[in-house]
Protein backbone atom coordinates (compact mmCIF):
# COMPACT_ATOMS: atom_id res chain seq x y z
CA MET A 1 72.02 112.13 111.90
CA ALA A 2 73.13 114.17 108.96
CA THR A 3 76.38 113.67 107.14
CA GLN A 4 78.95 116.03 105.80
CA SER A 5 77.78 118.41 103.12
CA ALA A 6 78.69 117.69 99.47
CA VAL A 7 82.41 117.61 98.69
CA GLN A 8 83.63 120.24 96.29
CA GLU A 9 84.98 118.90 92.98
CA GLY A 10 88.47 119.87 91.85
CA VAL A 11 91.98 118.86 92.87
CA PHE A 12 92.78 121.52 95.37
CA THR A 13 89.68 123.22 96.83
CA ALA A 14 88.90 125.39 99.77
CA GLN A 15 87.64 122.28 101.54
CA ASN A 16 90.76 120.15 101.16
CA ARG A 17 93.79 122.48 100.90
CA GLY A 18 94.40 122.62 104.67
CA PRO A 19 93.77 118.96 105.40
CA VAL A 20 95.98 117.92 102.42
CA ALA A 21 98.82 120.10 103.69
CA ALA A 22 98.44 118.71 107.17
CA GLY A 23 98.28 115.12 105.76
CA LEU A 24 101.50 115.62 103.67
CA VAL A 25 103.34 117.00 106.70
CA SER A 26 102.08 114.08 108.75
CA MET A 27 103.53 111.56 106.22
CA ILE A 28 106.84 113.43 105.96
CA LEU A 29 107.16 113.58 109.73
CA GLN A 30 106.52 109.84 110.26
CA THR A 31 109.21 108.82 107.82
CA TYR A 32 111.56 111.53 109.08
CA ASP A 33 111.11 110.22 112.62
CA ILE A 34 111.64 106.59 111.68
CA SER A 35 114.84 107.35 109.73
CA LEU A 36 116.37 109.64 112.35
CA PRO A 37 118.35 106.93 114.35
CA ALA A 38 119.90 105.41 111.17
CA LEU A 39 121.18 108.79 109.84
CA VAL A 40 121.85 110.84 112.96
CA LEU A 41 122.85 108.57 115.89
CA PRO A 42 125.72 106.52 114.35
CA ALA A 43 127.79 109.67 114.36
CA ALA A 44 126.61 110.80 117.79
CA ILE A 45 126.02 107.67 119.80
CA THR A 46 129.13 108.25 121.99
CA TYR A 47 127.29 111.23 123.52
CA PHE A 48 124.89 108.71 125.22
CA ILE A 49 127.17 105.78 125.84
CA PRO A 50 130.90 105.33 126.66
CA ALA A 51 133.22 105.61 123.67
CA SER A 52 135.11 102.62 125.05
CA LEU A 53 132.32 100.23 124.31
CA PRO A 54 133.02 97.74 121.39
CA PRO A 55 131.90 98.90 118.03
CA VAL A 56 129.51 95.97 117.77
CA VAL A 57 127.79 97.11 121.02
CA GLN A 58 127.57 100.68 119.75
CA ALA A 59 126.02 99.54 116.48
CA THR A 60 123.56 97.37 118.36
CA ILE A 61 122.45 100.30 120.50
CA VAL A 62 122.00 102.43 117.39
CA THR A 63 119.86 99.74 115.90
CA LEU A 64 117.79 99.51 119.13
CA THR A 65 116.96 103.23 118.98
CA GLY A 66 115.37 102.62 115.63
CA LEU A 67 113.69 99.38 116.69
CA VAL A 68 111.93 100.79 119.77
CA SER A 69 110.40 103.53 117.55
CA THR A 70 109.25 100.93 115.07
CA LEU A 71 107.72 98.90 117.95
CA GLY A 72 105.82 102.00 118.98
CA ASN A 73 104.20 102.24 115.56
CA PRO A 74 101.70 99.38 116.07
CA VAL A 75 100.84 100.68 119.53
CA GLY A 76 99.96 103.99 118.04
CA GLY A 77 98.21 102.60 114.97
CA VAL A 78 96.13 100.08 116.94
CA GLY A 79 95.68 101.94 120.30
CA LEU A 80 95.29 105.60 119.35
CA ALA A 81 94.06 105.62 115.73
CA PRO A 82 90.49 104.41 116.60
CA PHE A 83 89.90 107.51 118.61
CA ALA A 84 89.74 109.44 115.32
CA ASP A 85 86.52 107.55 114.62
CA ARG A 86 85.05 108.42 118.03
CA LEU A 87 86.38 111.97 118.66
CA GLY A 88 87.09 113.13 115.14
CA ARG A 89 90.08 113.27 112.86
CA ARG A 90 91.10 116.75 113.95
CA THR A 91 91.11 115.87 117.58
CA LEU A 92 93.36 112.87 117.19
CA MET A 93 95.74 114.78 115.04
CA LEU A 94 96.04 117.54 117.63
CA ILE A 95 96.72 115.00 120.41
CA THR A 96 99.37 113.13 118.37
CA ASN A 97 101.02 116.33 116.95
CA ILE A 98 101.33 117.97 120.36
CA GLY A 99 102.58 114.68 121.95
CA TYR A 100 105.17 114.17 119.19
CA THR A 101 106.41 117.84 119.32
CA VAL A 102 106.90 117.80 123.13
CA ILE A 103 108.76 114.55 123.04
CA ALA A 104 111.03 115.52 120.11
CA ALA A 105 111.97 118.65 121.96
CA ALA A 106 112.65 116.64 125.14
CA ILE A 107 114.99 114.43 123.22
CA ALA A 108 116.85 117.48 121.87
CA LEU A 109 117.33 118.62 125.46
CA LEU A 110 118.70 115.28 126.83
CA PRO A 111 121.90 115.24 128.76
CA GLY A 112 124.55 112.65 127.81
CA TYR A 113 126.46 109.84 129.47
CA ALA A 114 128.90 112.20 131.08
CA ALA A 115 126.07 113.78 133.13
CA TRP A 116 123.63 110.92 133.63
CA GLY A 117 125.45 107.72 132.90
CA TYR A 118 123.40 104.91 131.36
CA TRP A 119 120.16 106.70 132.32
CA ALA A 120 120.80 108.90 129.25
CA ILE A 121 120.53 106.08 126.74
CA GLY A 122 117.64 104.45 128.68
CA LEU A 123 115.65 107.70 128.62
CA LEU A 124 116.49 108.16 124.87
CA LEU A 125 115.08 104.69 124.16
CA PHE A 126 111.91 105.41 126.12
CA LEU A 127 111.28 108.68 124.39
CA ARG A 128 111.99 107.14 120.97
CA PHE A 129 109.28 104.57 121.70
CA CYS A 130 106.84 107.28 122.54
CA ASN A 131 107.75 109.21 119.33
CA GLY A 132 106.94 106.08 117.39
CA VAL A 133 103.50 105.79 119.04
CA PHE A 134 102.50 109.36 118.22
CA ALA A 135 104.15 109.46 114.74
CA ALA A 136 102.28 106.37 113.63
CA SER A 137 98.83 107.29 114.79
CA SER A 138 98.82 110.79 113.23
CA PRO A 139 98.33 109.61 109.59
CA ALA A 140 95.27 107.56 110.62
CA GLY A 141 93.59 110.88 111.22
CA ALA A 142 95.36 113.00 108.62
CA ILE A 143 95.04 110.79 105.55
CA PRO A 144 91.28 110.08 105.93
CA MET A 145 90.66 113.79 106.72
CA ALA A 146 92.28 114.89 103.46
CA LEU A 147 90.66 112.35 101.25
CA GLU A 148 87.18 112.69 102.87
CA ARG A 149 87.31 116.36 101.75
CA THR A 150 88.37 115.55 98.20
CA GLY A 151 85.98 114.90 95.23
CA LYS A 152 86.20 111.33 93.96
CA ASN A 153 87.52 112.46 90.64
CA ALA A 154 90.52 114.06 92.29
CA ARG A 155 91.27 111.45 95.01
CA GLY A 156 93.81 109.76 92.80
CA ILE A 157 96.07 112.86 92.46
CA ILE A 158 95.52 113.93 96.17
CA GLY A 159 96.37 110.40 97.38
CA ALA A 160 99.55 110.41 95.29
CA VAL A 161 100.53 113.79 96.72
CA LEU A 162 100.15 112.45 100.27
CA GLY A 163 101.85 109.17 99.17
CA VAL A 164 105.10 110.88 98.23
CA GLY A 165 105.40 112.14 101.84
CA PRO A 166 107.69 109.36 102.94
CA THR A 167 110.08 109.94 100.11
CA CYS A 168 110.10 113.64 100.94
CA GLY A 169 110.78 112.85 104.52
CA VAL A 170 113.89 110.79 103.73
CA LEU A 171 115.20 113.54 101.41
CA LEU A 172 114.47 116.20 103.97
CA LEU A 173 116.26 114.33 106.75
CA THR A 174 119.32 113.91 104.52
CA LEU A 175 119.45 117.67 103.99
CA VAL A 176 118.96 118.40 107.64
CA GLN A 177 121.62 115.87 108.63
CA ASN A 178 124.23 117.26 106.23
CA GLY A 179 123.39 120.85 107.25
CA SER A 180 123.62 120.08 111.00
CA PHE A 181 126.99 118.46 110.47
CA ALA A 182 128.23 121.48 108.61
CA VAL A 183 126.86 123.90 111.20
CA ALA A 184 128.37 121.87 114.07
CA GLY A 185 131.82 122.27 112.39
CA GLY A 186 132.71 118.58 112.11
CA PRO A 187 132.45 115.31 114.03
CA GLN A 188 133.36 116.61 117.51
CA GLY A 189 130.83 119.47 117.42
CA PHE A 190 128.16 117.09 116.02
CA VAL A 191 128.68 114.61 118.92
CA GLN A 192 128.48 117.40 121.53
CA TRP A 193 125.51 119.39 120.28
CA GLY A 194 124.94 119.15 116.53
CA TRP A 195 122.95 115.92 116.78
CA ARG A 196 120.25 117.99 118.58
CA LEU A 197 119.42 120.04 115.48
CA PRO A 198 117.54 117.27 113.52
CA PHE A 199 115.38 116.63 116.53
CA TRP A 200 114.65 120.39 116.90
CA PHE A 201 113.72 120.39 113.21
CA GLY A 202 111.40 117.40 113.87
CA ALA A 203 109.74 119.33 116.66
CA ALA A 204 109.30 122.25 114.29
CA LEU A 205 107.58 119.98 111.77
CA GLY A 206 105.27 118.89 114.57
CA ILE A 207 104.40 122.58 115.28
CA VAL A 208 103.73 123.22 111.55
CA GLU A 209 101.33 120.23 111.47
CA THR A 210 99.57 121.40 114.58
CA ILE A 211 99.05 124.89 113.18
CA LEU A 212 97.70 123.38 109.87
CA THR A 213 95.35 121.12 111.86
CA LEU A 214 94.04 124.01 113.96
CA ARG A 215 93.14 125.82 110.79
CA THR A 216 90.82 122.94 109.64
CA SER A 217 87.31 122.10 110.81
CA GLU A 218 85.91 118.73 111.77
CA LEU A 219 83.47 116.87 109.59
CA GLU A 220 79.85 117.46 110.29
CA TYR A 221 79.43 113.74 111.18
CA PHE A 222 81.86 114.01 114.11
CA LYS A 223 80.47 117.46 115.17
CA GLU A 224 77.00 115.92 115.39
CA GLN A 225 78.21 112.98 117.32
CA LYS A 226 79.62 115.32 119.98
CA GLU A 227 76.53 117.53 120.04
CA HIS A 228 74.19 114.49 120.51
CA HIS A 229 76.62 112.94 122.99
CA VAL A 230 76.76 109.73 121.00
CA HIS A 231 78.88 107.16 122.71
CA ARG A 232 80.37 104.46 120.48
CA ARG A 233 82.40 101.47 121.36
CA PHE A 234 86.09 101.24 120.46
CA THR A 235 85.99 101.02 116.71
CA LEU A 236 88.90 98.61 116.37
CA VAL A 237 86.34 95.92 117.53
CA ASP A 238 84.30 96.61 114.36
CA VAL A 239 87.36 96.22 112.14
CA PHE A 240 87.69 92.56 113.31
CA THR A 241 83.96 91.70 113.11
CA ARG A 242 82.86 88.99 110.71
CA LYS A 243 81.61 91.65 108.32
CA ASN A 244 84.93 93.53 108.06
CA ILE A 245 87.63 90.91 108.78
CA GLY A 246 87.86 90.22 105.04
CA ILE A 247 88.73 93.80 104.33
CA PHE A 248 91.51 93.72 106.92
CA ALA A 249 92.94 90.45 105.58
CA GLN A 250 92.89 91.68 101.93
CA THR A 251 94.48 95.03 102.63
CA MET A 252 97.01 93.56 105.10
CA ILE A 253 98.24 91.13 102.40
CA MET A 254 98.62 93.99 99.99
CA TYR A 255 100.40 96.25 102.50
CA LEU A 256 102.80 93.51 103.53
CA GLY A 257 103.90 93.49 99.92
CA PHE A 258 104.32 97.24 99.96
CA LEU A 259 106.40 97.23 103.11
CA PHE A 260 108.63 94.38 101.84
CA LEU A 261 109.48 96.66 98.88
CA ALA A 262 110.01 99.70 101.10
CA VAL A 263 112.34 97.88 103.45
CA ASN A 264 114.26 95.84 100.96
CA ILE A 265 114.88 98.40 98.23
CA PRO A 266 115.91 101.81 99.62
CA LEU A 267 116.79 100.62 103.09
CA PHE A 268 118.72 97.43 102.25
CA ILE A 269 120.61 98.75 99.16
CA PRO A 270 123.13 100.87 101.14
CA THR A 271 123.81 97.89 103.57
CA LEU A 272 124.24 95.45 100.69
CA PHE A 273 126.25 97.51 98.29
CA ILE A 274 128.38 99.54 100.71
CA THR A 275 128.94 97.10 103.65
CA TYR A 276 128.85 93.70 101.83
CA LEU A 277 129.84 94.48 98.20
CA HIS A 278 132.19 97.37 99.15
CA GLN A 279 130.90 99.71 96.53
CA ASN A 280 131.65 103.48 96.58
CA PRO A 281 129.08 105.07 99.02
CA ALA A 282 128.73 108.15 96.77
CA VAL A 283 127.63 105.95 93.84
CA ILE A 284 124.97 104.21 95.94
CA THR A 285 123.76 107.56 97.38
CA ASP A 286 123.41 108.98 93.93
CA SER A 287 121.36 105.99 92.85
CA LEU A 288 118.97 106.35 95.76
CA THR A 289 118.73 110.12 95.42
CA TRP A 290 117.80 109.86 91.75
CA GLY A 291 115.49 107.01 92.58
CA SER A 292 113.68 109.23 95.09
CA VAL A 293 113.30 111.85 92.38
CA GLY A 294 111.79 109.13 90.15
CA VAL A 295 109.35 108.16 92.81
CA LEU A 296 108.15 111.73 93.18
CA ILE A 297 107.46 111.97 89.51
CA LEU A 298 106.14 108.50 88.72
CA ALA A 299 103.89 108.45 91.87
CA ILE A 300 101.86 111.44 90.71
CA LEU A 301 101.61 109.90 87.20
CA PHE A 302 100.50 106.53 88.73
CA GLY A 303 97.97 108.33 90.90
CA ALA A 304 96.39 110.10 87.90
CA TRP A 305 96.55 106.82 85.80
CA GLY A 306 94.92 104.85 88.60
CA GLN A 307 92.14 107.44 88.67
CA ARG A 308 91.43 106.62 85.05
CA ILE A 309 91.88 102.80 84.82
CA GLY A 310 90.88 102.02 88.50
CA ARG A 311 93.02 101.72 91.57
CA ARG A 312 92.62 97.98 91.84
CA LYS A 313 93.86 97.42 88.28
CA GLY A 314 96.71 99.89 88.80
CA LEU A 315 97.84 98.06 91.90
CA ILE A 316 97.64 94.65 90.17
CA ILE A 317 99.83 96.02 87.39
CA GLY A 318 102.18 97.58 89.95
CA GLY A 319 102.62 94.20 91.70
CA LEU A 320 103.29 92.41 88.46
CA VAL A 321 105.94 95.14 87.53
CA ALA A 322 107.64 94.51 90.89
CA LEU A 323 107.67 90.76 90.19
CA VAL A 324 108.66 90.52 86.54
CA ILE A 325 110.63 93.81 85.97
CA VAL A 326 111.97 95.14 89.26
CA THR A 327 113.22 91.79 90.52
CA PRO A 328 115.34 90.90 87.40
CA LEU A 329 116.72 94.48 87.21
CA PHE A 330 117.57 94.34 90.88
CA GLY A 331 119.35 91.08 90.21
CA TRP A 332 121.28 92.64 87.39
CA MET A 333 122.27 95.52 89.66
CA ILE A 334 123.54 93.13 92.28
CA TYR A 335 125.50 91.11 89.63
CA ALA A 336 127.10 94.30 88.40
CA GLY A 337 128.01 95.23 91.93
CA SER A 338 129.53 91.77 92.60
CA HIS A 339 131.51 91.79 89.33
CA HIS A 340 133.01 95.28 89.28
CA GLY A 341 130.33 96.88 87.10
CA SER A 342 130.71 100.51 86.20
CA PRO A 343 129.39 103.27 88.53
CA THR A 344 127.06 104.44 85.77
CA THR A 345 125.42 101.00 85.50
CA LEU A 346 124.84 100.89 89.26
CA VAL A 347 123.37 104.46 89.32
CA VAL A 348 121.04 103.78 86.31
CA LEU A 349 119.86 100.38 87.64
CA GLY A 350 119.47 101.56 91.17
CA THR A 351 117.42 104.60 90.05
CA ILE A 352 115.01 102.37 87.92
CA VAL A 353 114.70 99.71 90.68
CA ASP A 354 113.93 102.34 93.39
CA ALA A 355 111.57 104.45 91.21
CA LEU A 356 109.62 101.50 89.69
CA GLY A 357 109.58 99.53 92.93
CA LEU A 358 107.99 102.23 95.07
CA SER A 359 106.13 104.68 92.86
CA PHE A 360 102.90 102.67 92.30
CA TYR A 361 102.57 102.10 96.09
CA SER A 362 103.20 105.85 96.76
CA GLY A 363 100.81 106.80 93.98
CA ILE A 364 97.88 104.49 94.69
CA GLY A 365 98.37 102.53 97.97
CA LEU A 366 97.22 105.18 100.56
CA THR A 367 94.15 106.15 98.49
CA TYR A 368 93.07 102.49 98.12
CA LEU A 369 93.47 101.63 101.75
CA THR A 370 91.48 104.70 102.85
CA GLU A 371 88.63 103.94 100.38
CA ARG A 372 88.23 100.34 101.62
CA TYR A 373 86.68 101.32 104.94
CA PRO A 374 83.41 103.29 105.68
CA LEU A 375 83.54 106.58 107.42
CA ASN A 376 82.72 105.46 110.85
CA ILE A 377 85.50 102.81 111.21
CA ARG A 378 87.97 104.20 108.67
CA ALA A 379 90.61 105.45 111.06
CA ALA A 380 90.70 102.22 113.04
CA GLY A 381 91.00 100.07 109.82
CA PHE A 382 93.60 102.39 108.32
CA GLY A 383 95.58 102.54 111.45
CA ALA A 384 95.55 98.77 112.06
CA VAL A 385 96.71 97.88 108.54
CA TYR A 386 99.10 100.74 108.16
CA SER A 387 100.97 100.04 111.42
CA LEU A 388 100.66 96.30 111.91
CA SER A 389 101.97 95.65 108.33
CA THR A 390 105.33 97.13 109.37
CA VAL A 391 106.10 94.27 111.84
CA ILE A 392 106.67 91.23 109.63
CA PRO A 393 108.82 93.09 107.00
CA GLY A 394 110.71 94.76 109.82
CA PHE A 395 112.56 91.46 110.45
CA SER A 396 113.70 91.15 106.80
CA SER A 397 117.35 91.04 107.72
CA PHE A 398 116.66 87.78 109.66
CA TYR A 399 114.89 86.23 106.68
CA LEU A 400 117.83 87.11 104.51
CA LEU A 401 120.21 85.41 106.89
CA ALA A 402 117.98 82.28 106.83
CA LEU A 403 118.00 82.26 103.00
CA ARG A 404 121.71 82.42 102.92
CA GLY A 405 121.81 78.69 103.40
CA LEU A 406 120.08 78.26 100.09
CA MET A 407 121.80 80.91 97.82
CA PRO A 408 124.50 83.49 97.80
CA TYR A 409 123.66 86.15 100.38
CA GLN A 410 123.70 89.10 97.99
CA TYR A 411 120.89 87.59 95.95
CA THR A 412 118.63 86.67 98.93
CA VAL A 413 116.91 90.06 98.76
CA LEU A 414 115.46 89.08 95.36
CA VAL A 415 113.32 86.42 97.02
CA LEU A 416 111.70 89.12 99.29
CA VAL A 417 111.17 91.56 96.42
CA ALA A 418 109.54 88.83 94.25
CA LEU A 419 107.36 87.85 97.25
CA ALA A 420 106.39 91.52 97.60
CA GLY A 421 105.15 91.62 94.05
CA ILE A 422 103.09 88.46 94.53
CA LEU A 423 101.55 89.81 97.76
CA VAL A 424 100.59 93.12 96.19
CA THR A 425 99.10 91.45 93.17
CA TRP A 426 97.18 88.92 95.22
CA GLY A 427 95.94 91.47 97.67
CA ALA A 428 94.73 93.89 94.95
CA TRP A 429 93.16 91.08 92.89
CA ALA A 430 91.21 89.84 95.94
CA GLY A 431 89.61 93.28 96.63
CA PRO A 432 87.04 95.42 94.82
CA GLU A 433 87.44 98.61 92.79
CA THR A 434 87.15 101.68 94.92
CA LYS A 435 87.58 104.84 92.80
CA ASP A 436 83.76 105.57 92.88
CA PHE A 437 83.36 104.70 96.59
CA ASP A 438 81.46 107.24 98.65
CA MET A 439 83.86 108.41 101.31
CA LEU A 440 81.15 109.77 103.57
CA GLN A 441 79.20 106.56 103.69
CA VAL A 442 78.53 105.29 107.17
CA ALA A 443 78.28 101.54 107.72
CA GLU A 444 75.55 100.28 109.99
């Protein structure tokens, strides 16, 4: 069976422009979807439940809407992603894009508690779970499709462009949320109908990704499988065979480190500094915004640098930076926040911690994970690691509560950030270099 024709060299080529655009939208959409409950529903939760419920119960339900979506991620990554190895990357992307778009639109049309009682919140939770399933499985087709169409000398840059998608997703959702609140004319209008606008925007992103996917063609390898009616077993089985389990273990260790950083830097900083240390929300928002800008810039530089020195070496250095530079700077930021440090100090330290802590992952991580698996089991391996690695770090708040018995609560996060640096360094050190790997190689 023939394989795909030679990949064109160059950064953005006729072969990869469409897949790269679709992959970037896929990454933006997944983060946009995961972040929706935290930013949108706190201000609109009384549309779905009685306003008379205690604040603690309301906050718990908001948290639940985010949790059920997160729980849907492994289901999509493990259950749906392998079909991209059997049916083709394009086919999986179309299935997941259409599924996500329909469900996001259904959420935007939901009636509230006044019309349906508690069925309203129940249906919202169910649909959020389904959104999580589709949103998590799409990158398993989109990222391999983009990098498989890219020459090996440009994969570092393209992988970094795809890797900044999550940062773009958070920034985009913030803009949509603020715009929706303004259009709704204030809190009352937002509760009644303004909350629907971010979900409609998510559905629009799904349509954009679907259009971009329709304009791409499938790899010759998958076309020939269909023409010759080749029936293969569920490729997730191959990921966990004796031959490949080592790849899964090594990349899982590394990705656990990435996710511990992603959860405990940009997501925990607002909780810690605004809720616990009672800092000015505007100051913390500024630090995270500038940190996101730093991630966008540094990630591209890390991607280009990793292309030169090797992705394995770049990830080892990135893990050590998280351990020996980011962790102490984060500690300094917490100390300043606990002892009435100046707003400028918090903004500067927050920007550096966010940018340095996440940029090497955004710049190199996706590319390395995609290159670690051969063509015929890549989506299954990518989807398993990418989705399952979210589970353990997702319970970070409970680990921090447990550590509170050993140290002041505000400093417990430093333990997880340092652990993240160790895991990334260990995982990268245990694996091979991949920058010259043949992305169209098929394993027996």
